[in-house]
């Protein structure tokens, strides 16, 4: 199906969430905080899954849970690192 010359795609939100969680690892500090400049719906889904603190706040960062930190590092290595 096309709309205005573009093919409509079905988006896999799980893959989007994994990619965003992996990218949160890039700006992760030693206190478990990371900048939250990503899609709000995806950030809310990551919060609902227990990976990050509630993104709805005036703070420009979120806190990753222990599980979120572990998963974000795993995903970052899987998606963006060269094999050792």
N, C-alpha and C. Protein backbone atom coordinates (compact mmCIF):
# COMPACT_ATOMS: atom_id res chain seq x y z
N UNK A 1 0.84 -1.16 0.00
CA UNK A 1 0.00 0.00 0.00
C UNK A 1 0.90 1.24 0.00
N UNK A 2 0.49 2.25 -0.75
CA UNK A 2 1.28 3.47 -0.81
C UNK A 2 0.44 4.67 -0.41
N UNK A 3 1.12 5.65 0.16
CA UNK A 3 0.46 6.90 0.51
C UNK A 3 1.43 8.01 0.14
N UNK A 4 1.00 8.90 -0.71
CA UNK A 4 1.84 10.02 -1.16
C UNK A 4 3.20 9.55 -1.66
N UNK A 5 3.22 8.43 -2.37
CA UNK A 5 4.47 7.94 -2.93
C UNK A 5 5.32 7.12 -1.97
N UNK A 6 4.91 7.01 -0.72
CA UNK A 6 5.68 6.24 0.26
C UNK A 6 4.94 4.96 0.59
N UNK A 7 5.68 3.91 0.74
CA UNK A 7 5.11 2.62 1.11
C UNK A 7 4.85 2.62 2.61
N UNK A 8 3.66 2.25 3.03
CA UNK A 8 3.32 2.18 4.45
C UNK A 8 3.95 0.93 5.03
N UNK A 9 4.63 1.10 6.16
CA UNK A 9 5.32 -0.01 6.80
C UNK A 9 4.66 -0.33 8.14
N UNK A 10 4.69 -1.58 8.50
CA UNK A 10 4.24 -1.96 9.83
C UNK A 10 5.46 -1.91 10.75
N UNK A 11 5.39 -1.08 11.77
CA UNK A 11 6.52 -0.85 12.68
C UNK A 11 6.51 -1.89 13.79
N UNK A 12 7.65 -2.48 14.07
CA UNK A 12 7.82 -3.40 15.19
C UNK A 12 8.27 -2.60 16.41
N UNK A 13 7.33 -2.28 17.28
CA UNK A 13 7.62 -1.43 18.44
C UNK A 13 8.62 -2.07 19.39
N UNK A 14 8.67 -3.39 19.44
CA UNK A 14 9.65 -4.07 20.29
C UNK A 14 11.07 -3.77 19.81
N UNK A 15 11.27 -3.78 18.49
CA UNK A 15 12.59 -3.47 17.94
C UNK A 15 12.95 -2.01 18.19
N UNK A 16 11.97 -1.13 18.07
CA UNK A 16 12.20 0.30 18.36
C UNK A 16 12.61 0.45 19.82
N UNK A 17 11.87 -0.19 20.72
CA UNK A 17 12.18 -0.11 22.16
C UNK A 17 13.59 -0.63 22.44
N UNK A 18 13.96 -1.74 21.81
CA UNK A 18 15.30 -2.30 22.01
C UNK A 18 16.38 -1.33 21.52
N UNK A 19 16.15 -0.72 20.36
CA UNK A 19 17.14 0.21 19.82
C UNK A 19 17.28 1.44 20.72
N UNK A 20 16.17 1.96 21.22
CA UNK A 20 16.24 3.13 22.11
C UNK A 20 16.92 2.76 23.42
N UNK A 21 16.58 1.61 23.98
CA UNK A 21 17.23 1.20 25.22
C UNK A 21 18.74 1.04 25.00
N UNK A 22 19.13 0.50 23.86
CA UNK A 22 20.56 0.37 23.54
C UNK A 22 21.21 1.75 23.43
N UNK A 23 20.54 2.69 22.80
CA UNK A 23 21.09 4.04 22.65
C UNK A 23 21.15 4.79 23.98
N UNK A 24 20.26 4.47 24.91
CA UNK A 24 20.33 5.09 26.24
C UNK A 24 21.66 4.75 26.91
N UNK A 25 22.23 3.60 26.56
CA UNK A 25 23.52 3.19 27.12
C UNK A 25 24.63 4.17 26.76
N UNK A 26 24.52 4.84 25.60
CA UNK A 26 25.55 5.79 25.16
C UNK A 26 25.75 6.94 26.13
N UNK A 27 24.66 7.44 26.70
CA UNK A 27 24.78 8.60 27.60
C UNK A 27 24.61 8.22 29.07
N UNK A 28 24.69 6.94 29.35
CA UNK A 28 24.52 6.46 30.72
C UNK A 28 25.68 6.93 31.60
N UNK A 29 25.35 7.56 32.74
CA UNK A 29 26.42 7.96 33.66
C UNK A 29 26.52 6.95 34.80
N UNK A 30 27.48 7.14 35.67
CA UNK A 30 27.71 6.16 36.74
C UNK A 30 26.59 6.12 37.79
N UNK A 31 25.69 7.12 37.74
CA UNK A 31 24.54 7.12 38.65
C UNK A 31 23.33 6.45 38.03
N UNK A 32 23.48 5.92 36.82
CA UNK A 32 22.38 5.22 36.16
C UNK A 32 21.43 6.15 35.42
N UNK A 33 21.84 7.40 35.20
CA UNK A 33 21.01 8.37 34.47
C UNK A 33 21.42 8.42 33.00
N UNK A 34 20.42 8.68 32.16
CA UNK A 34 20.66 8.82 30.73
C UNK A 34 19.72 9.88 30.18
N UNK A 35 20.16 10.62 29.17
CA UNK A 35 19.32 11.64 28.54
C UNK A 35 18.12 10.98 27.90
N UNK A 36 16.97 11.66 27.98
CA UNK A 36 15.72 11.04 27.51
C UNK A 36 15.18 11.66 26.22
N UNK A 37 16.01 12.03 25.31
CA UNK A 37 15.58 12.70 24.08
C UNK A 37 15.05 11.77 23.01
N UNK A 38 14.19 10.85 23.36
CA UNK A 38 13.63 9.91 22.39
C UNK A 38 12.11 9.99 22.39
N UNK A 39 11.49 9.29 21.47
CA UNK A 39 10.04 9.25 21.32
C UNK A 39 9.35 8.97 22.65
N UNK A 40 8.36 9.82 23.00
CA UNK A 40 7.68 9.69 24.29
C UNK A 40 6.95 8.36 24.46
N UNK A 41 6.30 7.90 23.39
CA UNK A 41 5.59 6.62 23.49
C UNK A 41 6.55 5.48 23.80
N UNK A 42 7.69 5.48 23.14
CA UNK A 42 8.69 4.43 23.38
C UNK A 42 9.23 4.54 24.80
N UNK A 43 9.49 5.76 25.27
CA UNK A 43 9.99 5.94 26.63
C UNK A 43 8.96 5.45 27.65
N UNK A 44 7.69 5.71 27.39
CA UNK A 44 6.64 5.22 28.30
C UNK A 44 6.59 3.70 28.30
N UNK A 45 6.76 3.08 27.13
CA UNK A 45 6.77 1.62 27.07
C UNK A 45 7.95 1.06 27.86
N UNK A 46 9.13 1.69 27.75
CA UNK A 46 10.30 1.22 28.52
C UNK A 46 10.05 1.37 30.02
N UNK A 47 9.35 2.41 30.41
CA UNK A 47 8.99 2.59 31.82
C UNK A 47 8.03 1.48 32.26
N UNK A 48 7.02 1.20 31.44
CA UNK A 48 6.05 0.15 31.76
C UNK A 48 6.71 -1.22 31.87
N UNK A 49 7.78 -1.44 31.11
CA UNK A 49 8.52 -2.71 31.16
C UNK A 49 9.48 -2.77 32.34
N UNK A 50 9.64 -1.64 33.05
CA UNK A 50 10.49 -1.63 34.24
C UNK A 50 11.95 -1.35 33.97
N UNK A 51 12.28 -0.83 32.78
CA UNK A 51 13.68 -0.56 32.44
C UNK A 51 14.15 0.84 32.84
N UNK A 52 13.21 1.80 32.92
CA UNK A 52 13.57 3.18 33.26
C UNK A 52 12.57 3.77 34.24
N UNK A 53 13.00 4.85 34.89
CA UNK A 53 12.09 5.59 35.77
C UNK A 53 11.04 6.29 34.91
N UNK A 54 10.04 6.84 35.56
CA UNK A 54 8.97 7.52 34.85
C UNK A 54 9.55 8.69 34.04
N UNK A 55 9.38 8.67 32.72
CA UNK A 55 9.96 9.74 31.90
C UNK A 55 9.16 11.04 31.94
N UNK A 56 7.98 11.00 32.54
CA UNK A 56 7.15 12.20 32.60
C UNK A 56 7.57 13.02 33.81
N UNK A 57 8.51 13.92 33.56
CA UNK A 57 9.00 14.83 34.60
C UNK A 57 9.72 15.98 33.90
N UNK A 58 10.09 16.98 34.68
CA UNK A 58 10.82 18.12 34.12
C UNK A 58 12.30 17.80 33.90
N UNK A 59 12.76 16.71 34.50
CA UNK A 59 14.17 16.32 34.34
C UNK A 59 14.44 15.96 32.89
N UNK A 60 15.65 16.23 32.44
CA UNK A 60 16.04 15.91 31.07
C UNK A 60 16.65 14.52 30.95
N UNK A 61 16.61 13.78 32.05
CA UNK A 61 17.17 12.44 32.05
C UNK A 61 16.22 11.48 32.76
N UNK A 62 16.45 10.21 32.55
CA UNK A 62 15.73 9.15 33.26
C UNK A 62 16.76 8.30 33.98
N UNK A 63 16.30 7.57 34.97
CA UNK A 63 17.17 6.64 35.68
C UNK A 63 16.86 5.24 35.17
N UNK A 64 17.89 4.54 34.75
CA UNK A 64 17.71 3.15 34.33
C UNK A 64 17.72 2.26 35.57
N UNK A 65 16.83 1.29 35.60
CA UNK A 65 16.82 0.31 36.68
C UNK A 65 18.02 -0.62 36.50
N UNK A 66 18.30 -1.43 37.49
CA UNK A 66 19.40 -2.40 37.35
C UNK A 66 19.17 -3.29 36.14
N UNK A 67 17.93 -3.75 35.97
CA UNK A 67 17.60 -4.59 34.81
C UNK A 67 17.75 -3.79 33.52
N UNK A 68 17.36 -2.51 33.55
CA UNK A 68 17.49 -1.66 32.38
C UNK A 68 18.93 -1.44 31.98
N UNK A 69 19.81 -1.24 32.97
CA UNK A 69 21.24 -1.06 32.69
C UNK A 69 21.81 -2.32 32.05
N UNK A 70 21.49 -3.46 32.64
CA UNK A 70 22.00 -4.73 32.12
C UNK A 70 21.52 -4.98 30.69
N UNK A 71 20.23 -4.78 30.46
CA UNK A 71 19.67 -5.02 29.13
C UNK A 71 20.18 -3.99 28.12
N UNK A 72 20.33 -2.74 28.54
CA UNK A 72 20.80 -1.72 27.60
C UNK A 72 22.23 -2.02 27.14
N UNK A 73 23.07 -2.48 28.06
CA UNK A 73 24.44 -2.83 27.67
C UNK A 73 24.44 -4.03 26.73
N UNK A 74 23.65 -5.04 27.06
CA UNK A 74 23.56 -6.23 26.20
C UNK A 74 23.10 -5.84 24.79
N UNK A 75 22.05 -5.03 24.71
CA UNK A 75 21.53 -4.63 23.40
C UNK A 75 22.53 -3.75 22.65
N UNK A 76 23.20 -2.86 23.37
CA UNK A 76 24.20 -2.00 22.73
C UNK A 76 25.30 -2.84 22.10
N UNK A 77 25.80 -3.82 22.86
CA UNK A 77 26.86 -4.69 22.34
C UNK A 77 26.37 -5.48 21.12
N UNK A 78 25.14 -6.00 21.21
CA UNK A 78 24.59 -6.81 20.12
C UNK A 78 24.33 -5.99 18.86
N UNK A 79 23.86 -4.77 19.03
CA UNK A 79 23.47 -3.96 17.87
C UNK A 79 24.59 -3.11 17.28
N UNK A 80 25.52 -2.65 18.13
CA UNK A 80 26.44 -1.62 17.66
C UNK A 80 27.93 -1.94 17.79
N UNK A 81 28.30 -3.03 18.41
CA UNK A 81 29.72 -3.33 18.58
C UNK A 81 30.19 -4.37 17.57
N UNK A 82 31.44 -4.22 17.17
CA UNK A 82 32.06 -5.21 16.29
C UNK A 82 32.38 -6.45 17.11
N UNK A 83 32.30 -7.62 16.49
CA UNK A 83 32.65 -8.85 17.21
C UNK A 83 34.09 -8.80 17.70
N UNK A 84 34.32 -9.35 18.86
CA UNK A 84 35.68 -9.36 19.43
C UNK A 84 36.50 -10.49 18.88
